[in-house]
Amino acid sequence: MHEFELINNYFSKISKKNISALNLNDDVFFDKSKGLVISVDTYIIGTHFVNFKSPDLVIKKILRSSISDLICKGVKPKFYFISGSGNKETFSKKNLSKISNSLKKEQKKYGLNLCGGDTTFSNKLSFTFTSLGYSKKIVYRNKACLNDNIYVTGDLGDSFIGLQILKNKINLNKETANFFTNKYYQPELQIRLCNHLSKFANTSIDISDGLFDDLKKMINKQNISFQLNEDEIPISSHLSNLISIKKFKKRKIVSNGDDYQILFTANKNKDRIIKKISKNTGVKITKIGKIISGKNKSIVIDAKGKQIEPNNKGYVHQF
């Protein structure tokens, strides 16, 4: 089963009476009356990270990807809980020291506090993070409107290249390789948008599984489609150069996830305020397409004006 089939078939029904669960169709729990927002994520070696040679970097990636679920809802993360399963090798004193120091730096960077968790012995290394923040409102999924513009923050695709380097599938010079692997381990979170996102976004999601897949998830309960302009999808100069040299297809590179940028839609009359907030916060925001009628198929328009169906699959859990 696909992970969402699993949720819909076995767990959605037992959450129906709890409106704060959002039908298990969003990445957060939101109790509006209490202003409480919670997200839970699990990360397993070999699935979510290649190895544990750099525990300080792995834990950074895990923490950032966890709090990204709140940030893309317009909520500042405040507290987190961490549960870890490991053995004497993975939870050695040296590794634990690196993990602790790394988390301390991340707490200072994002204004977080560790509140608790759990530790268990296992030969399969895994971490579960619970992130918590306070807000009386969030930006939901499935609230896009026809003719909304589609926007994304930052650049896409660098993290995927970093992962391919770590898997030894791409060989680059050390300086260039370090740029991409750093983007994989330390995604740039747009926390400066938290106080502004609800001013203009109709619906939002973070890009964890891939641009096309996450866009589909963001509007999955609505009878609408999307049209993206491939040329407008933002990428770094490093990736642009690599695509040119290696003859990669841009739409394939940007559709593999691990970017943790904010993907959102907004009414076209919000374009001016979005540009102003982008300038004031220093957060790069790019318009990449628009929401179209569900009578039409979702499409990507390439550089030559050709319409292509977005069939590039991002990351999917299969059971």
Protein backbone atom coordinates (compact mmCIF):
# COMPACT_ATOMS: atom_id res chain seq x y z
CA MET A 1 0.00 0.00 0.00
CA HIS A 2 0.91 3.61 -0.53
CA GLU A 3 1.31 5.42 2.83
CA PHE A 4 -1.81 7.50 2.22
CA GLU A 5 -3.86 4.40 1.39
CA LEU A 6 -2.74 2.98 4.71
CA ILE A 7 -3.84 6.12 6.57
CA ASN A 8 -7.17 6.41 4.75
CA ASN A 9 -8.06 2.72 5.06
CA TYR A 10 -7.11 2.13 8.68
CA PHE A 11 -6.77 5.35 10.66
CA SER A 12 -8.81 8.22 9.17
CA LYS A 13 -12.13 6.83 10.40
CA ILE A 14 -11.04 6.64 14.02
CA SER A 15 -9.98 10.31 13.97
CA LYS A 16 -13.22 11.67 12.47
CA LYS A 17 -14.59 13.01 15.76
CA ASN A 18 -11.42 14.98 16.43
CA ILE A 19 -11.51 18.09 14.23
CA SER A 20 -8.02 19.04 15.41
CA ALA A 21 -6.64 15.98 13.61
CA LEU A 22 -7.57 17.68 10.29
CA ASN A 23 -8.79 14.35 8.88
CA LEU A 24 -5.17 13.13 9.05
CA ASN A 25 -4.72 14.94 5.74
CA ASP A 26 -2.26 17.59 6.90
CA ASP A 27 1.14 17.30 8.55
CA VAL A 28 0.02 18.85 11.83
CA PHE A 29 -2.48 18.58 14.67
CA PHE A 30 -4.17 21.94 15.28
CA ASP A 31 -6.29 22.69 18.34
CA LYS A 32 -7.62 26.13 17.44
CA SER A 33 -9.24 26.81 20.83
CA LYS A 34 -5.97 26.20 22.68
CA GLY A 35 -3.74 27.59 19.92
CA LEU A 36 -1.70 24.40 19.88
CA VAL A 37 0.07 22.97 16.82
CA ILE A 38 1.94 19.62 16.86
CA SER A 39 3.83 17.56 14.30
CA VAL A 40 5.42 14.09 14.59
CA ASP A 41 8.04 12.57 12.27
CA THR A 42 10.13 9.40 12.29
CA TYR A 43 13.49 8.98 10.55
CA ILE A 44 15.21 5.64 9.91
CA ILE A 45 18.76 4.96 8.76
CA GLY A 46 18.89 3.72 5.19
CA THR A 47 15.55 5.34 4.40
CA HIS A 48 15.75 8.96 5.56
CA PHE A 49 19.52 9.29 5.85
CA VAL A 50 22.25 7.27 4.16
CA ASN A 51 24.52 6.54 7.12
CA PHE A 52 25.57 7.86 10.53
CA LYS A 53 29.14 8.88 9.73
CA SER A 54 28.27 12.51 10.57
CA PRO A 55 25.80 12.31 13.48
CA ASP A 56 26.00 16.07 14.06
CA LEU A 57 24.79 16.74 10.50
CA VAL A 58 22.21 13.95 10.46
CA ILE A 59 20.54 15.27 13.61
CA LYS A 60 20.48 18.79 12.13
CA LYS A 61 18.70 17.54 9.05
CA ILE A 62 16.19 15.58 11.13
CA LEU A 63 15.39 18.49 13.44
CA ARG A 64 15.01 20.95 10.57
CA SER A 65 12.80 18.66 8.51
CA SER A 66 10.64 18.11 11.60
CA ILE A 67 10.06 21.77 12.48
CA SER A 68 9.54 22.52 8.77
CA ASP A 69 6.03 21.04 9.12
CA LEU A 70 5.13 23.86 11.50
CA ILE A 71 6.96 26.62 9.66
CA CYS A 72 5.11 25.95 6.40
CA LYS A 73 1.83 26.43 8.33
CA GLY A 74 2.98 29.87 9.50
CA VAL A 75 3.77 28.63 13.01
CA LYS A 76 7.02 29.22 14.89
CA PRO A 77 8.22 25.98 16.54
CA LYS A 78 8.85 26.42 20.25
CA PHE A 79 9.42 22.99 21.79
CA TYR A 80 10.51 19.57 20.62
CA PHE A 81 10.72 16.02 21.95
CA ILE A 82 13.20 13.46 20.65
CA SER A 83 13.05 9.67 20.87
CA GLY A 84 15.98 7.63 19.66
CA SER A 85 16.62 3.93 19.10
CA GLY A 86 20.23 2.82 18.74
CA ASN A 87 23.02 0.60 20.04
CA LYS A 88 26.48 0.97 21.60
CA GLU A 89 28.00 1.83 18.22
CA THR A 90 25.50 4.45 17.05
CA PHE A 91 24.96 5.85 20.55
CA SER A 92 28.62 5.95 21.50
CA LYS A 93 29.80 8.73 23.86
CA LYS A 94 31.49 10.44 20.93
CA ASN A 95 28.34 10.38 18.77
CA LEU A 96 26.07 11.44 21.62
CA SER A 97 28.34 14.39 22.35
CA LYS A 98 28.19 15.46 18.72
CA ILE A 99 24.40 15.10 18.68
CA SER A 100 24.02 17.12 21.89
CA ASN A 101 26.28 19.95 20.68
CA SER A 102 24.54 20.08 17.32
CA LEU A 103 21.08 20.25 18.92
CA LYS A 104 22.29 23.03 21.22
CA LYS A 105 23.30 25.11 18.19
CA GLU A 106 20.01 24.41 16.42
CA GLN A 107 18.05 25.43 19.52
CA LYS A 108 19.84 28.77 19.56
CA LYS A 109 19.35 29.26 15.82
CA TYR A 110 15.60 28.57 15.82
CA GLY A 111 14.60 29.53 19.37
CA LEU A 112 13.76 25.97 20.41
CA ASN A 113 13.73 24.10 23.69
CA LEU A 114 14.12 20.34 24.22
CA CYS A 115 11.33 19.09 26.49
CA GLY A 116 11.76 15.32 26.72
CA GLY A 117 11.61 12.09 24.77
CA ASP A 118 12.66 8.47 25.08
CA THR A 119 15.62 6.19 24.36
CA THR A 120 15.53 2.49 23.52
CA PHE A 121 18.05 -0.11 22.44
CA SER A 122 17.86 -1.27 18.83
CA ASN A 123 20.27 -2.38 16.14
CA LYS A 124 18.20 -0.32 13.67
CA LEU A 125 18.95 3.36 14.22
CA SER A 126 15.92 5.66 14.22
CA PHE A 127 14.73 8.98 15.62
CA THR A 128 11.25 10.32 16.23
CA PHE A 129 10.77 14.06 16.66
CA THR A 130 7.66 15.76 18.00
CA SER A 131 7.56 19.50 17.31
CA LEU A 132 5.21 21.92 19.06
CA GLY A 133 4.24 25.54 18.56
CA TYR A 134 1.48 27.97 19.52
CA SER A 135 -0.82 29.81 17.13
CA LYS A 136 -4.52 30.67 16.83
CA LYS A 137 -4.41 30.16 13.07
CA ILE A 138 -2.56 28.12 10.48
CA VAL A 139 -2.45 27.91 6.70
CA TYR A 140 -4.34 24.72 5.82
CA ARG A 141 -4.07 22.37 2.89
CA ASN A 142 -6.87 22.15 0.32
CA LYS A 143 -7.78 25.84 0.47
CA ALA A 144 -6.45 26.84 -2.94
CA CYS A 145 -8.71 28.90 -5.20
CA LEU A 146 -9.11 28.79 -8.96
CA ASN A 147 -6.59 31.13 -10.65
CA ASP A 148 -4.42 31.35 -7.52
CA ASN A 149 -0.76 31.89 -8.27
CA ILE A 150 1.62 29.17 -7.08
CA TYR A 151 4.77 30.24 -5.25
CA VAL A 152 7.81 28.57 -3.74
CA THR A 153 10.53 29.86 -1.43
CA GLY A 154 14.27 29.44 -1.91
CA ASP A 155 15.84 27.12 -4.48
CA LEU A 156 14.95 23.53 -5.31
CA GLY A 157 17.01 20.48 -6.27
CA ASP A 158 20.30 21.09 -4.46
CA SER A 159 19.46 18.63 -1.69
CA PHE A 160 18.72 15.83 -4.15
CA ILE A 161 22.12 16.29 -5.79
CA GLY A 162 23.70 16.22 -2.32
CA LEU A 163 22.00 12.88 -1.65
CA GLN A 164 23.28 11.45 -4.94
CA ILE A 165 26.80 12.51 -3.99
CA LEU A 166 26.48 10.80 -0.61
CA LYS A 167 25.28 7.66 -2.41
CA ASN A 168 28.34 7.89 -4.73
CA LYS A 169 26.09 8.24 -7.79
CA ILE A 170 27.56 11.59 -8.81
CA ASN A 171 31.23 12.55 -8.61
CA LEU A 172 32.13 16.25 -8.36
CA ASN A 173 35.10 18.27 -7.14
CA LYS A 174 35.30 18.70 -3.37
CA GLU A 175 34.15 22.33 -3.23
CA THR A 176 31.09 21.75 -5.41
CA ALA A 177 30.27 18.46 -3.68
CA ASN A 178 30.42 20.19 -0.29
CA PHE A 179 27.94 22.83 -1.47
CA PHE A 180 25.34 20.21 -2.40
CA THR A 181 25.85 17.90 0.59
CA ASN A 182 25.56 20.92 2.88
CA LYS A 183 22.19 21.72 1.28
CA TYR A 184 21.12 18.13 1.95
CA TYR A 185 22.16 18.09 5.60
CA GLN A 186 21.28 21.71 6.42
CA PRO A 187 18.22 22.81 4.45
CA GLU A 188 17.50 26.53 4.68
CA LEU A 189 14.23 26.92 6.60
CA GLN A 190 12.20 30.06 5.93
CA ILE A 191 11.28 30.76 9.55
CA ARG A 192 11.25 34.51 8.84
CA LEU A 193 8.00 34.00 6.93
CA CYS A 194 6.15 32.53 9.92
CA ASN A 195 4.60 35.83 11.00
CA HIS A 196 3.62 36.74 7.43
CA LEU A 197 2.44 33.57 5.67
CA SER A 198 -1.20 33.79 6.77
CA LYS A 199 -1.41 37.34 5.37
CA PHE A 200 -1.32 36.08 1.80
CA ALA A 201 -1.25 32.27 1.51
CA ASN A 202 -4.50 30.40 0.87
CA THR A 203 -2.92 26.97 1.28
CA SER A 204 0.59 25.64 1.93
CA ILE A 205 2.88 22.66 2.41
CA ASP A 206 6.62 22.08 2.77
CA ILE A 207 8.48 20.33 -0.02
CA SER A 208 9.68 17.10 1.57
CA ASP A 209 8.73 14.43 -0.97
CA GLY A 210 9.07 16.46 -4.18
CA LEU A 211 7.61 19.52 -5.90
CA PHE A 212 4.99 17.77 -8.02
CA ASP A 213 3.95 15.19 -5.42
CA ASP A 214 3.70 17.74 -2.63
CA LEU A 215 1.72 20.11 -4.83
CA LYS A 216 -0.73 17.29 -5.51
CA LYS A 217 -0.97 16.56 -1.77
CA MET A 218 -1.60 20.21 -1.02
CA ILE A 219 -4.75 20.23 -3.21
CA ASN A 220 -5.64 16.53 -3.07
CA LYS A 221 -9.23 17.01 -1.85
CA GLN A 222 -10.06 19.73 -4.37
CA ASN A 223 -11.32 19.45 -7.92
CA ILE A 224 -8.53 21.60 -9.32
CA SER A 225 -5.27 21.15 -11.21
CA PHE A 226 -2.06 23.12 -11.62
CA GLN A 227 0.05 24.59 -14.38
CA LEU A 228 3.76 25.13 -13.73
CA ASN A 229 6.37 26.90 -15.83
CA GLU A 230 9.58 24.87 -15.73
CA ASP A 231 11.73 27.90 -16.51
CA GLU A 232 10.37 29.72 -13.47
CA ILE A 233 11.19 26.99 -10.93
CA PRO A 234 14.08 28.51 -8.93
CA ILE A 235 17.42 26.72 -8.77
CA SER A 236 20.87 27.77 -7.55
CA SER A 237 23.66 28.83 -9.89
CA HIS A 238 25.55 25.69 -8.81
CA LEU A 239 22.68 23.48 -9.94
CA SER A 240 22.17 25.46 -13.12
CA ASN A 241 25.81 24.90 -14.05
CA LEU A 242 25.59 21.20 -13.18
CA ILE A 243 22.45 20.72 -15.29
CA SER A 244 24.22 22.36 -18.20
CA ILE A 245 27.35 20.20 -17.84
CA LYS A 246 25.66 16.86 -17.08
CA LYS A 247 22.66 17.43 -19.39
CA PHE A 248 20.24 16.66 -16.57
CA LYS A 249 16.54 17.42 -16.97
CA LYS A 250 15.62 20.22 -14.61
CA ARG A 251 12.10 18.97 -13.88
CA LYS A 252 13.47 15.61 -12.74
CA ILE A 253 16.04 17.16 -10.42
CA VAL A 254 13.57 19.52 -8.71
CA SER A 255 10.91 16.85 -8.14
CA ASN A 256 12.72 14.58 -5.67
CA GLY A 257 12.17 16.31 -2.35
CA ASP A 258 14.27 17.03 0.75
CA ASP A 259 14.16 20.76 -0.05
CA TYR A 260 11.96 21.81 2.91
CA GLN A 261 10.99 25.01 1.15
CA ILE A 262 7.47 26.43 1.49
CA LEU A 263 5.08 25.81 -1.39
CA PHE A 264 1.92 27.91 -1.31
CA THR A 265 -0.84 29.48 -3.37
CA ALA A 266 -2.17 33.01 -3.15
CA ASN A 267 -4.68 35.22 -4.93
CA LYS A 268 -3.06 37.16 -7.76
CA ASN A 269 -3.92 40.45 -6.02
CA LYS A 270 -1.50 39.45 -3.24
CA ASP A 271 1.49 39.56 -5.57
CA ARG A 272 2.55 43.03 -4.46
CA ILE A 273 2.50 42.24 -0.73
CA ILE A 274 4.37 38.99 -1.38
CA LYS A 275 7.12 40.89 -3.18
CA LYS A 276 7.28 43.43 -0.36
CA ILE A 277 7.51 40.78 2.37
CA SER A 278 10.09 38.87 0.33
CA LYS A 279 12.23 42.01 0.18
CA ASN A 280 11.75 42.92 3.85
CA THR A 281 12.49 39.42 5.19
CA GLY A 282 15.21 38.53 2.69
CA VAL A 283 13.34 35.34 1.77
CA LYS A 284 13.43 34.46 -1.91
CA ILE A 285 9.87 33.85 -3.17
CA THR A 286 9.22 32.85 -6.77
CA LYS A 287 5.96 32.59 -8.71
CA ILE A 288 6.09 29.31 -10.64
CA GLY A 289 2.57 28.73 -11.96
CA LYS A 290 -1.13 28.91 -11.25
CA ILE A 291 -4.13 26.85 -10.18
CA ILE A 292 -6.39 25.82 -13.07
CA SER A 293 -9.72 24.05 -13.42
CA GLY A 294 -9.91 20.38 -12.49
CA LYS A 295 -11.45 19.76 -15.90
CA ASN A 296 -7.92 20.01 -17.26
CA LYS A 297 -4.90 17.83 -16.40
CA SER A 298 -2.06 19.26 -14.36
CA ILE A 299 0.80 20.23 -16.66
CA VAL A 300 4.34 21.57 -16.72
CA ILE A 301 5.26 23.91 -19.58
CA ASP A 302 8.89 23.44 -20.59
CA ALA A 303 11.32 25.98 -22.07
CA LYS A 304 10.04 25.31 -25.59
CA GLY A 305 6.42 25.81 -24.61
CA LYS A 306 5.63 22.10 -24.73
CA GLN A 307 3.04 20.83 -22.24
CA ILE A 308 4.27 17.87 -20.19
CA GLU A 309 2.41 15.82 -17.58
CA PRO A 310 4.27 15.97 -14.23
CA ASN A 311 4.90 12.25 -13.84
CA ASN A 312 8.22 12.55 -12.03
CA LYS A 313 7.57 10.78 -8.74
CA GLY A 314 9.03 12.10 -5.52
CA TYR A 315 9.66 9.97 -2.44
CA VAL A 316 6.84 7.55 -1.56
CA HIS A 317 6.57 5.09 1.35
CA GLN A 318 5.27 1.73 0.13
CA PHE A 319 4.07 -0.99 2.48
